[in-house]
Protein backbone atom coordinates (compact mmCIF):
# COMPACT_ATOMS: atom_id res chain seq x y z
CA UNK A 1 81.50 91.83 90.16
CA UNK A 2 81.50 88.97 87.34
CA UNK A 3 83.44 85.23 88.00
CA UNK A 4 85.65 83.90 85.11
CA UNK A 5 87.68 81.02 84.48
CA UNK A 6 90.19 80.74 82.00
CA UNK A 7 91.17 77.25 80.54
CA UNK A 8 94.73 77.04 79.43
CA UNK A 9 96.83 74.95 77.26
CA UNK A 10 99.01 72.53 79.57
CA UNK A 11 101.24 74.02 82.27
CA UNK A 12 104.18 72.57 82.17
CA UNK A 13 106.20 74.34 85.34
CA UNK A 14 105.39 76.02 88.70
CA UNK A 15 107.07 79.31 87.57
CA UNK A 16 104.53 79.51 84.93
CA UNK A 17 101.78 79.41 87.46
CA UNK A 18 103.53 82.81 89.50
CA UNK A 19 104.06 84.33 85.97
CA UNK A 20 100.21 83.82 85.27
CA UNK A 21 99.39 84.74 88.76
CA UNK A 22 101.30 88.04 88.66
CA UNK A 23 100.02 89.15 85.22
CA UNK A 24 96.44 88.75 86.33
CA UNK A 25 96.93 90.43 89.60
CA UNK A 26 98.53 93.45 88.09
CA UNK A 27 95.33 94.21 85.89
CA UNK A 28 93.02 97.12 87.19
CA UNK A 29 89.88 95.92 87.72
CA UNK A 30 90.75 92.23 88.77
CA UNK A 31 90.11 91.51 92.37
CA UNK A 32 93.74 90.40 93.34
CA UNK A 33 92.50 87.95 96.49
CA UNK A 34 90.03 86.05 93.96
CA UNK A 35 93.08 85.21 91.55
CA UNK A 36 93.79 80.92 91.35
CA UNK A 37 96.12 79.65 89.13
CA UNK A 38 95.23 76.23 89.06
CA UNK A 39 98.45 74.24 88.22
CA UNK A 40 97.27 70.60 87.68
CA UNK A 41 93.85 71.63 85.63
CA UNK A 42 95.52 74.37 83.52
CA UNK A 43 92.74 77.00 84.87
CA UNK A 44 92.80 80.65 86.01
CA UNK A 45 89.74 81.54 88.27
CA UNK A 46 89.20 85.11 89.48
CA UNK A 47 86.48 87.53 89.89
CA UNK A 48 86.47 90.99 88.10
CA UNK A 49 84.84 94.32 87.51
CA UNK A 50 83.14 94.30 83.88
CA UNK A 51 83.06 98.33 83.82
CA UNK A 52 86.80 98.32 84.37
CA UNK A 53 88.31 95.31 82.76
CA UNK A 54 87.40 93.01 79.76
CA UNK A 55 87.73 89.17 79.61
CA UNK A 56 89.45 89.80 76.54
CA UNK A 57 91.90 92.16 78.03
CA UNK A 58 92.99 89.42 80.48
CA UNK A 59 93.17 86.81 78.03
CA UNK A 60 95.79 89.07 76.02
CA UNK A 61 97.95 89.39 79.19
CA UNK A 62 98.00 85.89 79.39
CA UNK A 63 98.93 84.90 75.63
CA UNK A 64 101.16 88.28 75.87
CA UNK A 65 103.18 85.79 78.41
CA UNK A 66 103.10 83.02 75.77
CA UNK A 67 100.27 80.99 77.08
CA UNK A 68 97.47 79.73 74.68
CA UNK A 69 94.14 80.20 76.04
CA UNK A 70 91.75 77.48 74.99
CA UNK A 71 88.49 78.77 76.32
CA UNK A 72 86.74 81.64 78.33
CA UNK A 73 83.65 81.37 80.69
CA UNK A 74 82.22 84.14 82.70
CA UNK A 75 79.66 84.14 85.04
CA UNK A 76 77.81 87.19 86.32
């Protein structure tokens, strides 16, 4: 499992957190229990299996909701 942190543009409401949380948890290969959306920091942290899903696929799911991804960091 790899650990990822995605920096987003500023989140403006608690429902944004819920939308992102649900979308990331729905992606196959993402460890559902590891997903944390940090409202004040505008970050998403999660563990994922790089053999199943890429960080780009997770970024795409977030941008499809209308949120801007500023940068991503992955640690093996």
